[in-house]
Amino acid sequence: MAHAYTLSVPDMSCGHCRASIDKALAPLAAKPAFDMEHRRVTVSGDAPEPAVIAALDAIGFPAQRV
């Protein structure tokens, strides 16, 4: 079941951060949409929120739902 949710990722600040997040979420089939100005990522797809948050945390980007 596809769903979407927005996460605050306060440590995300540049294109390198964005690329790292893209790479971490790819295996989960999670599609991120970035709002770099507000440091938020809207995730859509079948990946459960806890798995996405764990993947971001594992690469040094703690996140929480907005």
PDB file of N, CA and C in Angstrom:
ATOM      1  N   MET A   1       0.847  -1.189   0.000  1.00  0.00           N
ATOM      2  CA  MET A   1       0.000   0.000   0.000  1.00  0.00           C
ATOM      3  C   MET A   1       0.886   1.244   0.000  1.00  0.00           C
ATOM      4  N   ALA A   2       0.725   2.089  -0.979  1.00  0.00           N
ATOM      5  CA  ALA A   2       1.526   3.307  -1.089  1.00  0.00           C
ATOM      6  C   ALA A   2       0.984   4.377  -0.148  1.00  0.00           C
ATOM      7  N   HIS A   3       1.898   5.116   0.423  1.00  0.00           N
ATOM      8  CA  HIS A   3       1.533   6.212   1.298  1.00  0.00           C
ATOM      9  C   HIS A   3       2.607   7.288   1.177  1.00  0.00           C
ATOM     10  N   ALA A   4       2.346   8.442   1.776  1.00  0.00           N
ATOM     11  CA  ALA A   4       3.311   9.539   1.762  1.00  0.00           C
ATOM     12  C   ALA A   4       3.318  10.198   3.129  1.00  0.00           C
ATOM     13  N   TYR A   5       4.497  10.644   3.524  1.00  0.00           N
ATOM     14  CA  TYR A   5       4.643  11.350   4.793  1.00  0.00           C
ATOM     15  C   TYR A   5       5.844  12.276   4.676  1.00  0.00           C
ATOM     16  N   THR A   6       5.853  13.318   5.503  1.00  0.00           N
ATOM     17  CA  THR A   6       6.925  14.305   5.468  1.00  0.00           C
ATOM     18  C   THR A   6       7.766  14.187   6.731  1.00  0.00           C
ATOM     19  N   LEU A   7       9.083  14.209   6.521  1.00  0.00           N
ATOM     20  CA  LEU A   7      10.028  14.103   7.621  1.00  0.00           C
ATOM     21  C   LEU A   7      10.875  15.369   7.705  1.00  0.00           C
ATOM     22  N   SER A   8      11.137  15.802   8.905  1.00  0.00           N
ATOM     23  CA  SER A   8      12.084  16.877   9.144  1.00  0.00           C
ATOM     24  C   SER A   8      13.462  16.238   9.254  1.00  0.00           C
ATOM     25  N   VAL A   9      14.407  16.766   8.467  1.00  0.00           N
ATOM     26  CA  VAL A   9      15.780  16.252   8.480  1.00  0.00           C
ATOM     27  C   VAL A   9      16.694  17.459   8.700  1.00  0.00           C
ATOM     28  N   PRO A  10      16.859  17.892   9.948  1.00  0.00           N
ATOM     29  CA  PRO A  10      17.556  19.150  10.223  1.00  0.00           C
ATOM     30  C   PRO A  10      19.011  19.200   9.777  1.00  0.00           C
ATOM     31  N   ASP A  11      19.672  18.055   9.659  1.00  0.00           N
ATOM     32  CA  ASP A  11      21.086  18.053   9.263  1.00  0.00           C
ATOM     33  C   ASP A  11      21.296  18.051   7.749  1.00  0.00           C
ATOM     34  N   MET A  12      20.231  18.020   6.981  1.00  0.00           N
ATOM     35  CA  MET A  12      20.319  18.026   5.521  1.00  0.00           C
ATOM     36  C   MET A  12      20.497  19.471   5.049  1.00  0.00           C
ATOM     37  N   SER A  13      21.593  19.726   4.315  1.00  0.00           N
ATOM     38  CA  SER A  13      21.828  21.113   3.939  1.00  0.00           C
ATOM     39  C   SER A  13      22.380  21.326   2.534  1.00  0.00           C
ATOM     40  N   CYS A  14      22.728  20.248   1.813  1.00  0.00           N
ATOM     41  CA  CYS A  14      23.378  20.459   0.521  1.00  0.00           C
ATOM     42  C   CYS A  14      23.059  19.335  -0.455  1.00  0.00           C
ATOM     43  N   GLY A  15      23.583  19.469  -1.645  1.00  0.00           N
ATOM     44  CA  GLY A  15      23.370  18.455  -2.666  1.00  0.00           C
ATOM     45  C   GLY A  15      23.970  17.112  -2.298  1.00  0.00           C
ATOM     46  N   HIS A  16      25.090  17.121  -1.593  1.00  0.00           N
ATOM     47  CA  HIS A  16      25.703  15.864  -1.161  1.00  0.00           C
ATOM     48  C   HIS A  16      24.775  15.150  -0.182  1.00  0.00           C
ATOM     49  N   CYS A  17      24.169  15.892   0.723  1.00  0.00           N
ATOM     50  CA  CYS A  17      23.201  15.311   1.660  1.00  0.00           C
ATOM     51  C   CYS A  17      22.045  14.679   0.891  1.00  0.00           C
ATOM     52  N   ARG A  18      21.557  15.398  -0.081  1.00  0.00           N
ATOM     53  CA  ARG A  18      20.437  14.912  -0.892  1.00  0.00           C
ATOM     54  C   ARG A  18      20.805  13.610  -1.600  1.00  0.00           C
ATOM     55  N   ALA A  19      22.004  13.563  -2.177  1.00  0.00           N
ATOM     56  CA  ALA A  19      22.459  12.360  -2.875  1.00  0.00           C
ATOM     57  C   ALA A  19      22.579  11.181  -1.912  1.00  0.00           C
ATOM     58  N   SER A  20      23.075  11.439  -0.719  1.00  0.00           N
ATOM     59  CA  SER A  20      23.210  10.375   0.287  1.00  0.00           C
ATOM     60  C   SER A  20      21.848   9.826   0.687  1.00  0.00           C
ATOM     61  N   ILE A  21      20.886  10.710   0.849  1.00  0.00           N
ATOM     62  CA  ILE A  21      19.531  10.293   1.225  1.00  0.00           C
ATOM     63  C   ILE A  21      18.890   9.508   0.082  1.00  0.00           C
ATOM     64  N   ASP A  22      19.050   9.984  -1.140  1.00  0.00           N
ATOM     65  CA  ASP A  22      18.530   9.251  -2.302  1.00  0.00           C
ATOM     66  C   ASP A  22      19.076   7.824  -2.320  1.00  0.00           C
ATOM     67  N   LYS A  23      20.371   7.702  -2.131  1.00  0.00           N
ATOM     68  CA  LYS A  23      21.034   6.395  -2.169  1.00  0.00           C
ATOM     69  C   LYS A  23      20.532   5.483  -1.051  1.00  0.00           C
ATOM     70  N   ALA A  24      20.345   6.038   0.149  1.00  0.00           N
ATOM     71  CA  ALA A  24      19.895   5.237   1.289  1.00  0.00           C
ATOM     72  C   ALA A  24      18.458   4.760   1.130  1.00  0.00           C
ATOM     73  N   LEU A  25      17.626   5.551   0.475  1.00  0.00           N
ATOM     74  CA  LEU A  25      16.214   5.195   0.339  1.00  0.00           C
ATOM     75  C   LEU A  25      15.922   4.337  -0.889  1.00  0.00           C
ATOM     76  N   ALA A  26      16.824   4.302  -1.848  1.00  0.00           N
ATOM     77  CA  ALA A  26      16.601   3.531  -3.073  1.00  0.00           C
ATOM     78  C   ALA A  26      16.286   2.052  -2.811  1.00  0.00           C
ATOM     79  N   PRO A  27      17.023   1.366  -1.925  1.00  0.00           N
ATOM     80  CA  PRO A  27      16.709  -0.053  -1.692  1.00  0.00           C
ATOM     81  C   PRO A  27      15.331  -0.283  -1.065  1.00  0.00           C
ATOM     82  N   LEU A  28      14.781   0.755  -0.458  1.00  0.00           N
ATOM     83  CA  LEU A  28      13.465   0.634   0.178  1.00  0.00           C
ATOM     84  C   LEU A  28      12.328   0.948  -0.795  1.00  0.00           C
ATOM     85  N   ALA A  29      12.673   1.312  -2.012  1.00  0.00           N
ATOM     86  CA  ALA A  29      11.681   1.749  -3.003  1.00  0.00           C
ATOM     87  C   ALA A  29      10.881   2.943  -2.488  1.00  0.00           C
ATOM     88  N   ALA A  30      11.570   3.803  -1.750  1.00  0.00           N
ATOM     89  CA  ALA A  30      10.971   5.032  -1.227  1.00  0.00           C
ATOM     90  C   ALA A  30      11.390   6.179  -2.138  1.00  0.00           C
ATOM     91  N   LYS A  31      10.440   6.987  -2.565  1.00  0.00           N
ATOM     92  CA  LYS A  31      10.726   8.097  -3.464  1.00  0.00           C
ATOM     93  C   LYS A  31      10.698   9.400  -2.689  1.00  0.00           C
ATOM     94  N   PRO A  32      11.865  10.030  -2.502  1.00  0.00           N
ATOM     95  CA  PRO A  32      11.911  11.284  -1.756  1.00  0.00           C
ATOM     96  C   PRO A  32      11.689  12.502  -2.650  1.00  0.00           C
ATOM     97  N   ALA A  33      10.992  13.495  -2.101  1.00  0.00           N
ATOM     98  CA  ALA A  33      10.862  14.816  -2.711  1.00  0.00           C
ATOM     99  C   ALA A  33      11.448  15.782  -1.687  1.00  0.00           C
ATOM    100  N   PHE A  34      12.415  16.570  -2.110  1.00  0.00           N
ATOM    101  CA  PHE A  34      13.179  17.388  -1.178  1.00  0.00           C
ATOM    102  C   PHE A  34      12.696  18.835  -1.117  1.00  0.00           C
ATOM    103  N   ASP A  35      12.665  19.371   0.095  1.00  0.00           N
ATOM    104  CA  ASP A  35      12.448  20.797   0.346  1.00  0.00           C
ATOM    105  C   ASP A  35      13.683  21.236   1.134  1.00  0.00           C
ATOM    106  N   MET A  36      14.727  21.600   0.388  1.00  0.00           N
ATOM    107  CA  MET A  36      16.009  21.917   1.025  1.00  0.00           C
ATOM    108  C   MET A  36      15.913  23.163   1.919  1.00  0.00           C
ATOM    109  N   GLU A  37      15.107  24.123   1.520  1.00  0.00           N
ATOM    110  CA  GLU A  37      14.988  25.349   2.300  1.00  0.00           C
ATOM    111  C   GLU A  37      14.480  25.070   3.713  1.00  0.00           C
ATOM    112  N   HIS A  38      13.496  24.183   3.825  1.00  0.00           N
ATOM    113  CA  HIS A  38      12.914  23.871   5.132  1.00  0.00           C
ATOM    114  C   HIS A  38      13.469  22.583   5.726  1.00  0.00           C
ATOM    115  N   ARG A  39      14.424  21.979   5.007  1.00  0.00           N
ATOM    116  CA  ARG A  39      15.077  20.742   5.455  1.00  0.00           C
ATOM    117  C   ARG A  39      14.063  19.641   5.746  1.00  0.00           C
ATOM    118  N   ARG A  40      13.233  19.406   4.743  1.00  0.00           N
ATOM    119  CA  ARG A  40      12.202  18.371   4.845  1.00  0.00           C
ATOM    120  C   ARG A  40      12.261  17.457   3.635  1.00  0.00           C
ATOM    121  N   VAL A  41      11.849  16.229   3.862  1.00  0.00           N
ATOM    122  CA  VAL A  41      11.767  15.243   2.795  1.00  0.00           C
ATOM    123  C   VAL A  41      10.374  14.624   2.856  1.00  0.00           C
ATOM    124  N   THR A  42       9.667  14.674   1.746  1.00  0.00           N
ATOM    125  CA  THR A  42       8.383  13.983   1.648  1.00  0.00           C
ATOM    126  C   THR A  42       8.654  12.667   0.942  1.00  0.00           C
ATOM    127  N   VAL A  43       8.317  11.587   1.615  1.00  0.00           N
ATOM    128  CA  VAL A  43       8.603  10.251   1.120  1.00  0.00           C
ATOM    129  C   VAL A  43       7.301   9.610   0.652  1.00  0.00           C
ATOM    130  N   SER A  44       7.327   9.054  -0.557  1.00  0.00           N
ATOM    131  CA  SER A  44       6.171   8.315  -1.050  1.00  0.00           C
ATOM    132  C   SER A  44       6.626   6.927  -1.467  1.00  0.00           C
ATOM    133  N   GLY A  45       5.687   6.002  -1.453  1.00  0.00           N
ATOM    134  CA  GLY A  45       5.990   4.628  -1.828  1.00  0.00           C
ATOM    135  C   GLY A  45       5.474   3.653  -0.790  1.00  0.00           C
ATOM    136  N   ASP A  46       5.981   2.447  -0.869  1.00  0.00           N
ATOM    137  CA  ASP A  46       5.518   1.386   0.028  1.00  0.00           C
ATOM    138  C   ASP A  46       6.366   1.229   1.283  1.00  0.00           C
ATOM    139  N   ALA A  47       7.464   1.939   1.378  1.00  0.00           N
ATOM    140  CA  ALA A  47       8.363   1.783   2.522  1.00  0.00           C
ATOM    141  C   ALA A  47       7.702   2.301   3.797  1.00  0.00           C
ATOM    142  N   PRO A  48       7.689   1.481   4.844  1.00  0.00           N
ATOM    143  CA  PRO A  48       7.113   1.952   6.103  1.00  0.00           C
ATOM    144  C   PRO A  48       7.980   3.050   6.729  1.00  0.00           C
ATOM    145  N   GLU A  49       7.323   3.991   7.351  1.00  0.00           N
ATOM    146  CA  GLU A  49       8.013   5.136   7.957  1.00  0.00           C
ATOM    147  C   GLU A  49       9.154   4.722   8.891  1.00  0.00           C
ATOM    148  N   PRO A  50       8.968   3.749   9.800  1.00  0.00           N
ATOM    149  CA  PRO A  50      10.085   3.376  10.686  1.00  0.00           C
ATOM    150  C   PRO A  50      11.319   2.888   9.924  1.00  0.00           C
ATOM    151  N   ALA A  51      11.124   2.207   8.804  1.00  0.00           N
ATOM    152  CA  ALA A  51      12.263   1.733   8.007  1.00  0.00           C
ATOM    153  C   ALA A  51      13.003   2.900   7.361  1.00  0.00           C
ATOM    154  N   VAL A  52      12.256   3.886   6.891  1.00  0.00           N
ATOM    155  CA  VAL A  52      12.871   5.066   6.276  1.00  0.00           C
ATOM    156  C   VAL A  52      13.646   5.857   7.332  1.00  0.00           C
ATOM    157  N   ILE A  53      13.040   6.068   8.481  1.00  0.00           N
ATOM    158  CA  ILE A  53      13.721   6.804   9.558  1.00  0.00           C
ATOM    159  C   ILE A  53      14.984   6.065   9.988  1.00  0.00           C
ATOM    160  N   ALA A  54      14.927   4.741  10.084  1.00  0.00           N
ATOM    161  CA  ALA A  54      16.104   3.949  10.459  1.00  0.00           C
ATOM    162  C   ALA A  54      17.201   4.067   9.399  1.00  0.00           C
ATOM    163  N   ALA A  55      16.819   4.048   8.115  1.00  0.00           N
ATOM    164  CA  ALA A  55      17.806   4.176   7.034  1.00  0.00           C
ATOM    165  C   ALA A  55      18.479   5.541   7.071  1.00  0.00           C
ATOM    166  N   LEU A  56      17.714   6.583   7.339  1.00  0.00           N
ATOM    167  CA  LEU A  56      18.296   7.928   7.426  1.00  0.00           C
ATOM    168  C   LEU A  56      19.199   8.055   8.649  1.00  0.00           C
ATOM    169  N   ASP A  57      18.773   7.502   9.750  1.00  0.00           N
ATOM    170  CA  ASP A  57      19.577   7.540  10.969  1.00  0.00           C
ATOM    171  C   ASP A  57      20.902   6.809  10.757  1.00  0.00           C
ATOM    172  N   ALA A  58      20.863   5.699  10.039  1.00  0.00           N
ATOM    173  CA  ALA A  58      22.065   4.895   9.796  1.00  0.00           C
ATOM    174  C   ALA A  58      23.124   5.656   9.001  1.00  0.00           C
ATOM    175  N   ILE A  59      22.707   6.634   8.203  1.00  0.00           N
ATOM    176  CA  ILE A  59      23.682   7.415   7.429  1.00  0.00           C
ATOM    177  C   ILE A  59      23.946   8.782   8.045  1.00  0.00           C
ATOM    178  N   GLY A  60      23.483   8.988   9.254  1.00  0.00           N
ATOM    179  CA  GLY A  60      23.801  10.222   9.973  1.00  0.00           C
ATOM    180  C   GLY A  60      22.823  11.361   9.783  1.00  0.00           C
ATOM    181  N   PHE A  61      21.593  11.043   9.360  1.00  0.00           N
ATOM    182  CA  PHE A  61      20.568  12.056   9.184  1.00  0.00           C
ATOM    183  C   PHE A  61      19.339  11.709  10.028  1.00  0.00           C
ATOM    184  N   PRO A  62      19.384  12.002  11.322  1.00  0.00           N
ATOM    185  CA  PRO A  62      18.213  11.737  12.149  1.00  0.00           C
ATOM    186  C   PRO A  62      17.013  12.499  11.605  1.00  0.00           C
ATOM    187  N   ALA A  63      15.863  11.838  11.601  1.00  0.00           N
ATOM    188  CA  ALA A  63      14.654  12.438  11.047  1.00  0.00           C
ATOM    189  C   ALA A  63      13.477  12.151  11.964  1.00  0.00           C
ATOM    190  N   GLN A  64      12.492  13.015  11.858  1.00  0.00           N
ATOM    191  CA  GLN A  64      11.244  12.792  12.577  1.00  0.00           C
ATOM    192  C   GLN A  64      10.089  13.307  11.746  1.00  0.00           C
ATOM    193  N   ARG A  65       8.943  12.719  11.954  1.00  0.00           N
ATOM    194  CA  ARG A  65       7.753  13.107  11.182  1.00  0.00           C
ATOM    195  C   ARG A  65       7.315  14.518  11.540  1.00  0.00           C
ATOM    196  N   VAL A  66       6.919  15.255  10.510  1.00  0.00           N
ATOM    197  CA  VAL A  66       6.430  16.625  10.699  1.00  0.00           C
ATOM    198  C   VAL A  66       4.944  16.569  10.943  1.00  0.00           C
TER     199      VAL A  66
END
